[in-house]
C-alpha atoms as a PDB file:
ATOM      1  CA  MET A   1       0.000   0.000   0.000  1.00  0.00           C
ATOM      2  CA  ALA A   2       1.351   3.389  -0.993  1.00  0.00           C
ATOM      3  CA  LEU A   3       2.418   5.887   1.643  1.00  0.00           C
ATOM      4  CA  PHE A   4       1.527   9.532   1.141  1.00  0.00           C
ATOM      5  CA  LEU A   5       3.090  12.619   2.669  1.00  0.00           C
ATOM      6  CA  SER A   6      -0.252  13.528   4.245  1.00  0.00           C
ATOM      7  CA  ASP A   7       0.119  10.468   6.502  1.00  0.00           C
ATOM      8  CA  TYR A   8       2.963  12.265   8.291  1.00  0.00           C
ATOM      9  CA  LEU A   9       1.478  15.760   8.562  1.00  0.00           C
ATOM     10  CA  PRO A  10      -0.848  17.086  11.285  1.00  0.00           C
ATOM     11  CA  ASP A  11      -2.922  18.929   8.685  1.00  0.00           C
ATOM     12  CA  THR A  12      -4.033  18.168   5.142  1.00  0.00           C
ATOM     13  CA  ASP A  13      -3.772  20.004   1.852  1.00  0.00           C
ATOM     14  CA  PRO A  14      -4.281  19.096  -1.813  1.00  0.00           C
ATOM     15  CA  TYR A  15      -0.553  18.615  -2.486  1.00  0.00           C
ATOM     16  CA  SER A  16       0.552  16.334   0.358  1.00  0.00           C
ATOM     17  CA  LEU A  17      -2.392  14.030  -0.365  1.00  0.00           C
ATOM     18  CA  GLN A  18      -0.787  13.264  -3.732  1.00  0.00           C
ATOM     19  CA  GLN A  19       2.898  13.040  -2.744  1.00  0.00           C
ATOM     20  CA  VAL A  20       4.051   9.428  -2.492  1.00  0.00           C
ATOM     21  CA  VAL A  21       6.671   8.670   0.156  1.00  0.00           C
ATOM     22  CA  ALA A  22       9.359   6.164  -0.810  1.00  0.00           C
ATOM     23  CA  LYS A  23      10.134   3.419   1.688  1.00  0.00           C
ATOM     24  CA  GLY A  24      13.807   3.615   2.643  1.00  0.00           C
ATOM     25  CA  LEU A  25      16.559   6.085   1.866  1.00  0.00           C
ATOM     26  CA  ASP A  26      18.268   6.352  -1.499  1.00  0.00           C
ATOM     27  CA  MET A  27      21.890   6.771  -0.426  1.00  0.00           C
ATOM     28  CA  ASP A  28      23.404   6.922  -3.905  1.00  0.00           C
ATOM     29  CA  SER A  29      24.054  10.639  -4.359  1.00  0.00           C
ATOM     30  CA  ARG A  30      24.975  10.035  -7.998  1.00  0.00           C
ATOM     31  CA  VAL A  31      21.382   9.238  -8.891  1.00  0.00           C
ATOM     32  CA  GLU A  32      19.554  12.201 -10.385  1.00  0.00           C
ATOM     33  CA  ASN A  33      15.896  12.969  -9.712  1.00  0.00           C
ATOM     34  CA  ARG A  34      15.774  10.999  -6.502  1.00  0.00           C
ATOM     35  CA  HIS A  35      12.399  10.744  -4.800  1.00  0.00           C
ATOM     36  CA  PRO A  36      11.934  13.947  -2.777  1.00  0.00           C
ATOM     37  CA  PHE A  37      10.202  12.265   0.203  1.00  0.00           C
ATOM     38  CA  GLN A  38      11.795   9.194   1.771  1.00  0.00           C
ATOM     39  CA  LEU A  39      10.869   7.240   4.903  1.00  0.00           C
ATOM     40  CA  VAL A  40      13.761   6.323   7.220  1.00  0.00           C
ATOM     41  CA  GLU A  41      13.639   2.602   7.961  1.00  0.00           C
ATOM     42  CA  GLU A  42      15.523   0.332  10.328  1.00  0.00           C
ATOM     43  CA  ALA A  43      17.609  -1.098   7.487  1.00  0.00           C
ATOM     44  CA  ASP A  44      18.776   2.404   6.539  1.00  0.00           C
ATOM     45  CA  ILE A  45      20.097   3.007  10.053  1.00  0.00           C
ATOM     46  CA  SER A  46      22.017  -0.276   9.898  1.00  0.00           C
ATOM     47  CA  LYS A  47      23.730   0.933   6.721  1.00  0.00           C
ATOM     48  CA  ILE A  48      24.641   4.320   8.209  1.00  0.00           C
ATOM     49  CA  LEU A  49      25.752   3.308  11.711  1.00  0.00           C
ATOM     50  CA  LYS A  50      29.446   2.467  12.013  1.00  0.00           C
ATOM     51  CA  PRO A  51      30.673  -0.201  14.464  1.00  0.00           C
ATOM     52  CA  ARG A  52      33.235   0.823  17.073  1.00  0.00           C
ATOM     53  CA  ALA A  53      36.698  -0.326  16.046  1.00  0.00           C
ATOM     54  CA  THR A  54      38.756  -2.515  18.380  1.00  0.00           C
ATOM     55  CA  PHE A  55      41.786  -0.215  18.456  1.00  0.00           C
ATOM     56  CA  SER A  56      39.856   3.024  18.859  1.00  0.00           C
ATOM     57  CA  HIS A  57      40.134   5.538  21.694  1.00  0.00           C
ATOM     58  CA  LYS A  58      38.514   8.778  22.867  1.00  0.00           C
ATOM     59  CA  GLY A  59      40.283  10.734  20.135  1.00  0.00           C
ATOM     60  CA  THR A  60      38.647   8.502  17.533  1.00  0.00           C
ATOM     61  CA  TYR A  61      35.169   9.681  18.425  1.00  0.00           C
ATOM     62  CA  GLY A  62      35.677  13.412  18.327  1.00  0.00           C
ATOM     63  CA  HIS A  63      35.430  16.423  20.608  1.00  0.00           C
ATOM     64  CA  VAL A  64      32.131  18.298  21.027  1.00  0.00           C
ATOM     65  CA  LEU A  65      31.756  21.861  22.267  1.00  0.00           C
ATOM     66  CA  LEU A  66      28.311  22.718  23.634  1.00  0.00           C
ATOM     67  CA  ILE A  67      27.632  26.410  24.232  1.00  0.00           C
ATOM     68  CA  ALA A  68      24.523  26.309  26.356  1.00  0.00           C
ATOM     69  CA  GLY A  69      22.822  27.327  29.548  1.00  0.00           C
ATOM     70  CA  ALA A  70      22.168  30.529  31.480  1.00  0.00           C
ATOM     71  CA  PRO A  71      21.988  31.011  35.269  1.00  0.00           C
ATOM     72  CA  LYS A  72      18.283  30.129  35.315  1.00  0.00           C
ATOM     73  CA  THR A  73      18.340  27.501  32.555  1.00  0.00           C
ATOM     74  CA  MET A  74      21.372  25.391  33.430  1.00  0.00           C
ATOM     75  CA  GLY A  75      19.340  22.208  33.089  1.00  0.00           C
ATOM     76  CA  ALA A  76      19.263  22.566  29.303  1.00  0.00           C
ATOM     77  CA  ALA A  77      23.061  22.555  29.162  1.00  0.00           C
ATOM     78  CA  LEU A  78      23.326  19.545  31.476  1.00  0.00           C
ATOM     79  CA  ILE A  79      20.771  17.580  29.464  1.00  0.00           C
ATOM     80  CA  ALA A  80      22.546  18.309  26.164  1.00  0.00           C
ATOM     81  CA  ALA A  81      25.947  17.404  27.621  1.00  0.00           C
ATOM     82  CA  ASN A  82      24.619  14.186  29.160  1.00  0.00           C
ATOM     83  CA  ALA A  83      23.051  13.186  25.843  1.00  0.00           C
ATOM     84  CA  CYS A  84      26.335  13.889  24.089  1.00  0.00           C
ATOM     85  CA  LEU A  85      28.139  11.506  26.430  1.00  0.00           C
ATOM     86  CA  HIS A  86      25.627   8.704  25.972  1.00  0.00           C
ATOM     87  CA  ALA A  87      25.613   9.138  22.181  1.00  0.00           C
ATOM     88  CA  GLY A  88      29.293   8.265  22.153  1.00  0.00           C
ATOM     89  CA  ALA A  89      31.318  11.458  21.735  1.00  0.00           C
ATOM     90  CA  GLY A  90      34.934  10.849  22.732  1.00  0.00           C
ATOM     91  CA  LEU A  91      35.244  14.179  24.548  1.00  0.00           C
ATOM     92  CA  THR A  92      32.577  16.668  25.580  1.00  0.00           C
ATOM     93  CA  THR A  93      33.215  20.261  26.635  1.00  0.00           C
ATOM     94  CA  VAL A  94      30.453  22.604  27.728  1.00  0.00           C
ATOM     95  CA  SER A  95      30.622  26.375  27.955  1.00  0.00           C
ATOM     96  CA  ILE A  96      28.244  27.543  30.680  1.00  0.00           C
ATOM     97  CA  PRO A  97      28.152  30.431  33.144  1.00  0.00           C
ATOM     98  CA  GLU A  98      30.501  29.900  36.092  1.00  0.00           C
ATOM     99  CA  SER A  99      27.484  29.651  38.377  1.00  0.00           C
ATOM    100  CA  GLY A 100      26.780  26.237  36.876  1.00  0.00           C
ATOM    101  CA  LEU A 101      30.172  24.692  37.564  1.00  0.00           C
ATOM    102  CA  THR A 102      29.156  23.018  40.813  1.00  0.00           C
ATOM    103  CA  ALA A 103      26.177  21.397  39.125  1.00  0.00           C
ATOM    104  CA  LEU A 104      28.317  20.341  36.155  1.00  0.00           C
ATOM    105  CA  ASN A 105      31.096  18.806  38.236  1.00  0.00           C
ATOM    106  CA  THR A 106      28.630  17.052  40.509  1.00  0.00           C
ATOM    107  CA  ARG A 107      26.262  15.759  37.854  1.00  0.00           C
ATOM    108  CA  LEU A 108      28.590  15.137  34.904  1.00  0.00           C
ATOM    109  CA  PRO A 109      32.214  14.693  36.016  1.00  0.00           C
ATOM    110  CA  GLU A 110      33.144  13.360  32.573  1.00  0.00           C
ATOM    111  CA  VAL A 111      32.373  16.716  30.927  1.00  0.00           C
ATOM    112  CA  MET A 112      34.966  19.483  30.635  1.00  0.00           C
ATOM    113  CA  TYR A 113      34.416  23.235  30.947  1.00  0.00           C
ATOM    114  CA  ALA A 114      35.259  26.135  28.617  1.00  0.00           C
ATOM    115  CA  ASP A 115      35.171  29.729  29.871  1.00  0.00           C
ATOM    116  CA  ARG A 116      33.059  31.961  27.625  1.00  0.00           C
ATOM    117  CA  LYS A 117      35.556  34.782  27.896  1.00  0.00           C
ATOM    118  CA  ASP A 118      38.188  32.537  26.335  1.00  0.00           C
ATOM    119  CA  LEU A 119      35.833  31.614  23.489  1.00  0.00           C
ATOM    120  CA  GLN A 120      35.510  35.275  22.552  1.00  0.00           C
ATOM    121  CA  GLU A 121      39.286  35.751  22.248  1.00  0.00           C
ATOM    122  CA  GLU A 122      39.357  35.355  18.473  1.00  0.00           C
ATOM    123  CA  LYS A 123      43.157  35.576  18.238  1.00  0.00           C
ATOM    124  CA  ASN A 124      43.472  32.330  20.192  1.00  0.00           C
ATOM    125  CA  LYS A 125      41.330  30.434  17.650  1.00  0.00           C
ATOM    126  CA  PRO A 126      39.390  28.730  20.454  1.00  0.00           C
ATOM    127  CA  PHE A 127      37.102  26.698  18.205  1.00  0.00           C
ATOM    128  CA  GLN A 128      39.655  24.932  16.046  1.00  0.00           C
ATOM    129  CA  LYS A 129      40.216  21.920  18.319  1.00  0.00           C
ATOM    130  CA  TYR A 130      36.561  20.899  18.271  1.00  0.00           C
ATOM    131  CA  ASN A 131      35.066  18.457  15.778  1.00  0.00           C
ATOM    132  CA  SER A 132      31.509  19.557  16.500  1.00  0.00           C
ATOM    133  CA  ILE A 133      30.022  22.787  17.873  1.00  0.00           C
ATOM    134  CA  ALA A 134      26.445  23.110  19.110  1.00  0.00           C
ATOM    135  CA  ILE A 135      24.947  26.310  20.443  1.00  0.00           C
ATOM    136  CA  GLY A 136      21.628  27.469  21.817  1.00  0.00           C
ATOM    137  CA  SER A 137      20.164  25.151  24.460  1.00  0.00           C
ATOM    138  CA  GLY A 138      18.990  27.378  27.316  1.00  0.00           C
ATOM    139  CA  LEU A 139      21.511  30.008  26.226  1.00  0.00           C
ATOM    140  CA  GLY A 140      19.292  33.097  26.238  1.00  0.00           C
ATOM    141  CA  THR A 141      19.007  35.613  23.421  1.00  0.00           C
ATOM    142  CA  ASP A 142      21.434  38.090  24.988  1.00  0.00           C
ATOM    143  CA  GLN A 143      24.486  36.190  23.727  1.00  0.00           C
ATOM    144  CA  VAL A 144      24.606  37.630  20.196  1.00  0.00           C
ATOM    145  CA  ASN A 145      28.280  38.652  20.512  1.00  0.00           C
ATOM    146  CA  LEU A 146      29.252  35.124  21.524  1.00  0.00           C
ATOM    147  CA  PHE A 147      27.143  33.644  18.729  1.00  0.00           C
ATOM    148  CA  SER A 148      28.800  35.994  16.238  1.00  0.00           C
ATOM    149  CA  GLN A 149      32.239  34.817  17.380  1.00  0.00           C
ATOM    150  CA  VAL A 150      31.201  31.214  16.819  1.00  0.00           C
ATOM    151  CA  LEU A 151      30.019  32.042  13.307  1.00  0.00           C
ATOM    152  CA  LYS A 152      33.288  33.847  12.540  1.00  0.00           C
ATOM    153  CA  ALA A 153      35.194  30.616  13.151  1.00  0.00           C
ATOM    154  CA  GLY A 154      33.933  29.392   9.782  1.00  0.00           C
ATOM    155  CA  LYS A 155      33.041  25.892  10.991  1.00  0.00           C
ATOM    156  CA  PRO A 156      29.734  24.066  10.573  1.00  0.00           C
ATOM    157  CA  ILE A 157      27.609  24.356  13.698  1.00  0.00           C
ATOM    158  CA  LEU A 158      24.449  22.903  15.140  1.00  0.00           C
ATOM    159  CA  ALA A 159      22.051  25.719  16.078  1.00  0.00           C
ATOM    160  CA  ASP A 160      19.068  25.075  18.320  1.00  0.00           C
ATOM    161  CA  ALA A 161      16.675  26.966  20.601  1.00  0.00           C
ATOM    162  CA  ASP A 162      18.010  30.438  21.447  1.00  0.00           C
ATOM    163  CA  ALA A 163      20.555  30.342  18.621  1.00  0.00           C
ATOM    164  CA  LEU A 164      17.576  30.042  16.278  1.00  0.00           C
ATOM    165  CA  ASN A 165      15.800  32.839  18.094  1.00  0.00           C
ATOM    166  CA  MET A 166      18.856  35.095  17.750  1.00  0.00           C
ATOM    167  CA  MET A 167      18.908  34.428  14.013  1.00  0.00           C
ATOM    168  CA  ALA A 168      15.193  35.230  13.865  1.00  0.00           C
ATOM    169  CA  GLY A 169      15.906  38.550  15.573  1.00  0.00           C
ATOM    170  CA  ASP A 170      18.839  39.365  13.288  1.00  0.00           C
ATOM    171  CA  LYS A 171      18.383  37.791   9.869  1.00  0.00           C
ATOM    172  CA  SER A 172      21.957  38.655   8.855  1.00  0.00           C
ATOM    173  CA  LEU A 173      23.234  35.905  11.171  1.00  0.00           C
ATOM    174  CA  ILE A 174      21.804  33.062   9.108  1.00  0.00           C
ATOM    175  CA  HIS A 175      23.793  34.267   6.104  1.00  0.00           C
ATOM    176  CA  LYS A 176      26.964  33.718   8.148  1.00  0.00           C
ATOM    177  CA  LEU A 177      26.327  30.019   8.694  1.00  0.00           C
ATOM    178  CA  SER A 178      29.023  27.762   7.288  1.00  0.00           C
ATOM    179  CA  PRO A 179      27.954  25.105   4.771  1.00  0.00           C
ATOM    180  CA  HIS A 180      26.758  21.819   6.295  1.00  0.00           C
ATOM    181  CA  SER A 181      25.544  23.439   9.474  1.00  0.00           C
ATOM    182  CA  ILE A 182      22.429  21.951  11.087  1.00  0.00           C
ATOM    183  CA  LEU A 183      19.349  23.810  12.324  1.00  0.00           C
ATOM    184  CA  THR A 184      16.921  21.969  14.624  1.00  0.00           C
ATOM    185  CA  PRO A 185      13.756  24.099  14.938  1.00  0.00           C
ATOM    186  CA  HIS A 186      10.325  23.103  16.117  1.00  0.00           C
ATOM    187  CA  MET A 187       7.389  24.640  14.253  1.00  0.00           C
ATOM    188  CA  LYS A 188       7.261  27.968  16.108  1.00  0.00           C
ATOM    189  CA  GLU A 189      11.036  28.472  15.886  1.00  0.00           C
ATOM    190  CA  PHE A 190      10.931  27.673  12.173  1.00  0.00           C
ATOM    191  CA  ASP A 191       8.168  30.214  11.558  1.00  0.00           C
ATOM    192  CA  ARG A 192       9.972  32.889  13.580  1.00  0.00           C
ATOM    193  CA  LEU A 193      13.011  32.310  11.420  1.00  0.00           C
ATOM    194  CA  PHE A 194      11.413  31.986   7.984  1.00  0.00           C
ATOM    195  CA  GLY A 195       7.949  33.518   8.326  1.00  0.00           C
ATOM    196  CA  VAL A 196       4.520  32.266   9.337  1.00  0.00           C
ATOM    197  CA  HIS A 197       3.110  29.397   7.260  1.00  0.00           C
ATOM    198  CA  LYS A 198      -0.530  28.444   6.843  1.00  0.00           C
ATOM    199  CA  ASN A 199       0.132  24.684   6.721  1.00  0.00           C
ATOM    200  CA  TRP A 200       2.849  22.041   6.895  1.00  0.00           C
ATOM    201  CA  TRP A 201       3.116  21.614   3.136  1.00  0.00           C
ATOM    202  CA  ASP A 202       4.142  25.257   2.797  1.00  0.00           C
ATOM    203  CA  ARG A 203       6.530  24.897   5.721  1.00  0.00           C
ATOM    204  CA  LEU A 204       8.246  21.938   4.061  1.00  0.00           C
ATOM    205  CA  GLN A 205       8.550  23.818   0.777  1.00  0.00           C
ATOM    206  CA  THR A 206      10.276  26.680   2.570  1.00  0.00           C
ATOM    207  CA  ALA A 207      12.591  24.241   4.356  1.00  0.00           C
ATOM    208  CA  ILE A 208      13.569  22.665   1.037  1.00  0.00           C
ATOM    209  CA  ILE A 209      14.355  26.082  -0.459  1.00  0.00           C
ATOM    210  CA  LYS A 210      16.302  27.338   2.558  1.00  0.00           C
ATOM    211  CA  ALA A 211      18.332  24.149   3.024  1.00  0.00           C
ATOM    212  CA  ALA A 212      19.511  24.439  -0.581  1.00  0.00           C
ATOM    213  CA  GLU A 213      20.024  28.211  -0.400  1.00  0.00           C
ATOM    214  CA  PHE A 214      22.280  28.073   2.658  1.00  0.00           C
ATOM    215  CA  ASN A 215      23.722  24.585   1.961  1.00  0.00           C
ATOM    216  CA  ILE A 216      22.582  23.357   5.373  1.00  0.00           C
ATOM    217  CA  VAL A 217      20.521  20.560   6.914  1.00  0.00           C
ATOM    218  CA  ILE A 218      17.242  21.478   8.587  1.00  0.00           C
ATOM    219  CA  VAL A 219      15.753  19.165  11.201  1.00  0.00           C
ATOM    220  CA  LEU A 220      12.112  20.239  11.400  1.00  0.00           C
ATOM    221  CA  LYS A 221      10.767  18.707  14.596  1.00  0.00           C
ATOM    222  CA  ASN A 222       7.214  17.428  15.019  1.00  0.00           C
ATOM    223  CA  ALA A 223       5.458  14.141  15.818  1.00  0.00           C
ATOM    224  CA  TYR A 224       7.169  12.929  12.636  1.00  0.00           C
ATOM    225  CA  THR A 225      10.437  14.802  12.240  1.00  0.00           C
ATOM    226  CA  PHE A 226      11.659  15.854   8.802  1.00  0.00           C
ATOM    227  CA  ILE A 227      15.367  16.004   7.923  1.00  0.00           C
ATOM    228  CA  ILE A 228      15.803  18.218   4.867  1.00  0.00           C
ATOM    229  CA  ASP A 229      19.201  18.019   3.190  1.00  0.00           C
ATOM    230  CA  GLN A 230      21.091  20.438   0.953  1.00  0.00           C
ATOM    231  CA  LYS A 231      19.654  18.878  -2.205  1.00  0.00           C
ATOM    232  CA  GLY A 232      16.032  19.158  -1.121  1.00  0.00           C
ATOM    233  CA  ILE A 233      15.535  15.511  -0.154  1.00  0.00           C
ATOM    234  CA  VAL A 234      13.172  15.139   2.802  1.00  0.00           C
ATOM    235  CA  SER A 235      13.885  12.145   5.050  1.00  0.00           C
ATOM    236  CA  ILE A 236      10.936  11.340   7.307  1.00  0.00           C
ATOM    237  CA  ASN A 237      11.554   9.850  10.755  1.00  0.00           C
ATOM    238  CA  ASN A 238       8.746   7.772  12.263  1.00  0.00           C
ATOM    239  CA  THR A 239      10.214   6.897  15.665  1.00  0.00           C
ATOM    240  CA  GLY A 240       9.017   8.729  18.765  1.00  0.00           C
ATOM    241  CA  ASN A 241       5.702   8.977  20.597  1.00  0.00           C
ATOM    242  CA  PRO A 242       3.525  11.296  22.743  1.00  0.00           C
ATOM    243  CA  ALA A 243       5.093  10.051  25.992  1.00  0.00           C
ATOM    244  CA  MET A 244       8.128  12.129  24.998  1.00  0.00           C
ATOM    245  CA  ALA A 245       6.164  15.394  25.095  1.00  0.00           C
ATOM    246  CA  GLN A 246       8.191  16.969  27.903  1.00  0.00           C
ATOM    247  CA  GLY A 247      10.668  19.791  28.261  1.00  0.00           C
ATOM    248  CA  GLY A 248      14.307  18.941  27.637  1.00  0.00           C
ATOM    249  CA  MET A 249      13.764  16.526  24.748  1.00  0.00           C
ATOM    250  CA  GLY A 250      15.067  19.058  22.224  1.00  0.00           C
ATOM    251  CA  ASP A 251      18.177  19.656  24.328  1.00  0.00           C
ATOM    252  CA  ALA A 252      18.798  15.907  24.395  1.00  0.00           C
ATOM    253  CA  LEU A 253      18.459  15.729  20.610  1.00  0.00           C
ATOM    254  CA  THR A 254      20.960  18.565  20.226  1.00  0.00           C
ATOM    255  CA  GLY A 255      23.548  16.661  22.253  1.00  0.00           C
ATOM    256  CA  ILE A 256      22.937  13.426  20.377  1.00  0.00           C
ATOM    257  CA  ILE A 257      23.279  14.924  16.906  1.00  0.00           C
ATOM    258  CA  ALA A 258      26.359  16.914  17.973  1.00  0.00           C
ATOM    259  CA  ALA A 259      27.954  13.666  19.161  1.00  0.00           C
ATOM    260  CA  TYR A 260      27.369  11.999  15.799  1.00  0.00           C
ATOM    261  CA  VAL A 261      28.867  14.954  13.948  1.00  0.00           C
ATOM    262  CA  ALA A 262      31.963  14.675  16.162  1.00  0.00           C
ATOM    263  CA  GLN A 263      32.214  10.973  15.320  1.00  0.00           C
ATOM    264  CA  GLY A 264      32.640  11.819  11.654  1.00  0.00           C
ATOM    265  CA  TYR A 265      29.159  11.450  10.204  1.00  0.00           C
ATOM    266  CA  ASP A 266      28.186  14.104   7.682  1.00  0.00           C
ATOM    267  CA  ALA A 267      25.473  16.538   8.685  1.00  0.00           C
ATOM    268  CA  LYS A 268      22.584  14.699   7.035  1.00  0.00           C
ATOM    269  CA  TYR A 269      23.400  11.273   8.424  1.00  0.00           C
ATOM    270  CA  ALA A 270      24.296  12.631  11.866  1.00  0.00           C
ATOM    271  CA  ALA A 271      20.849  14.217  11.957  1.00  0.00           C
ATOM    272  CA  ILE A 272      19.112  11.058  10.751  1.00  0.00           C
ATOM    273  CA  LEU A 273      20.895   8.878  13.322  1.00  0.00           C
ATOM    274  CA  GLY A 274      20.248  11.353  16.111  1.00  0.00           C
ATOM    275  CA  VAL A 275      16.551  11.766  15.392  1.00  0.00           C
ATOM    276  CA  TYR A 276      16.011   8.032  14.862  1.00  0.00           C
ATOM    277  CA  PHE A 277      17.712   6.848  18.048  1.00  0.00           C
ATOM    278  CA  HIS A 278      16.237   9.702  20.083  1.00  0.00           C
ATOM    279  CA  GLY A 279      12.763   8.557  19.055  1.00  0.00           C
ATOM    280  CA  LYS A 280      13.558   4.849  19.278  1.00  0.00           C
ATOM    281  CA  SER A 281      14.775   5.256  22.851  1.00  0.00           C
ATOM    282  CA  GLY A 282      11.493   6.944  23.674  1.00  0.00           C
ATOM    283  CA  ASP A 283       9.568   4.130  21.987  1.00  0.00           C
ATOM    284  CA  GLU A 284      11.301   1.498  24.113  1.00  0.00           C
ATOM    285  CA  LEU A 285      10.523   3.377  27.317  1.00  0.00           C
ATOM    286  CA  ALA A 286       6.919   4.055  26.286  1.00  0.00           C
ATOM    287  CA  LYS A 287       6.208   0.327  26.287  1.00  0.00           C
ATOM    288  CA  LYS A 288       6.087   0.538  30.087  1.00  0.00           C
ATOM    289  CA  LYS A 289       5.754   4.254  30.856  1.00  0.00           C
ATOM    290  CA  TYR A 290       3.011   6.817  30.315  1.00  0.00           C
ATOM    291  CA  SER A 291       5.426   9.761  30.186  1.00  0.00           C
ATOM    292  CA  ILE A 292       9.199   9.970  29.782  1.00  0.00           C
ATOM    293  CA  THR A 293      11.758  12.499  30.965  1.00  0.00           C
ATOM    294  CA  ALA A 294      14.720  13.550  28.873  1.00  0.00           C
ATOM    295  CA  THR A 295      17.074  12.101  31.493  1.00  0.00           C
ATOM    296  CA  GLU A 296      15.356   8.710  31.296  1.00  0.00           C
ATOM    297  CA  LEU A 297      15.592   8.770  27.523  1.00  0.00           C
ATOM    298  CA  ILE A 298      19.299   9.575  27.618  1.00  0.00           C
ATOM    299  CA  LYS A 299      19.977   6.600  29.905  1.00  0.00           C
ATOM    300  CA  GLN A 300      18.158   4.349  27.450  1.00  0.00           C
ATOM    301  CA  LEU A 301      19.975   5.659  24.373  1.00  0.00           C
ATOM    302  CA  SER A 302      23.194   3.654  24.430  1.00  0.00           C
ATOM    303  CA  LYS A 303      21.290   0.407  25.052  1.00  0.00           C
ATOM    304  CA  VAL A 304      19.082   1.042  22.026  1.00  0.00           C
ATOM    305  CA  VAL A 305      22.071   1.772  19.789  1.00  0.00           C
ATOM    306  CA  LYS A 306      23.917  -1.297  21.091  1.00  0.00           C
ATOM    307  CA  HIS A 307      21.024  -3.636  20.320  1.00  0.00           C
ATOM    308  CA  HIS A 308      20.154  -2.141  16.944  1.00  0.00           C
ATOM    309  CA  PRO A 309      20.029  -4.933  14.316  1.00  0.00           C
END
């Protein structure tokens, strides 16, 4: 039985009712005119996911920098950092206000700390040693100068939450994104950034245009999350469930995707892996739980990846 795009949208329109969704990802980039809507399946994840090599070490799996948290929203930074650890990053550094150091050292002793003042010393090239940079979780929108310094480094970044809101407030910032950066907006963040849309079909069309225009990957979060790549291909993720409808889930996803980028996956496949295993972990927990916290999901993550077929 054919799958249609309307099956994965919370509203209907004349166009999505006619758009057939292909089962499985077409990973051959040489093929022209690939199907624009593709459903991520378990077999696709098996092809993308790399086994851990016997003679590997922490340097093999990359170094993530998370720029997150404010004095009143430190939890977002801790959730993202914890998710990064459990998704397999070799090293994780978080840049938070000094007021959060006690919480960081107590809760996550494996995570290192970077002073924000040092990150803004451009002459020291503070971002060069990191394989993955994520910014925005609980950060606040008053950190435009810091965000601008990150963009000046010329490296792909993962922008979520308040980083998206800062770009919405100053549209010039999005033009400074390096190619292969990743944006992870939910619907309201997407509309603040790119304008209000009357339905999901229009929102997807804008995402396709903007991903190509800026040469980035857009992870448009909803019950079914859409990963839109630089060539306009929309990969549809069908893991996840309503039990995951709690604060902190987006911060966890940020940490997970950042960890996969650090491990050497390209932006599209890092996003696909992150979204899939984020949702799959929630699905496993929802078999026995009515609601799920982000912390519970993070603890489940590594088990789900380990036992993936």
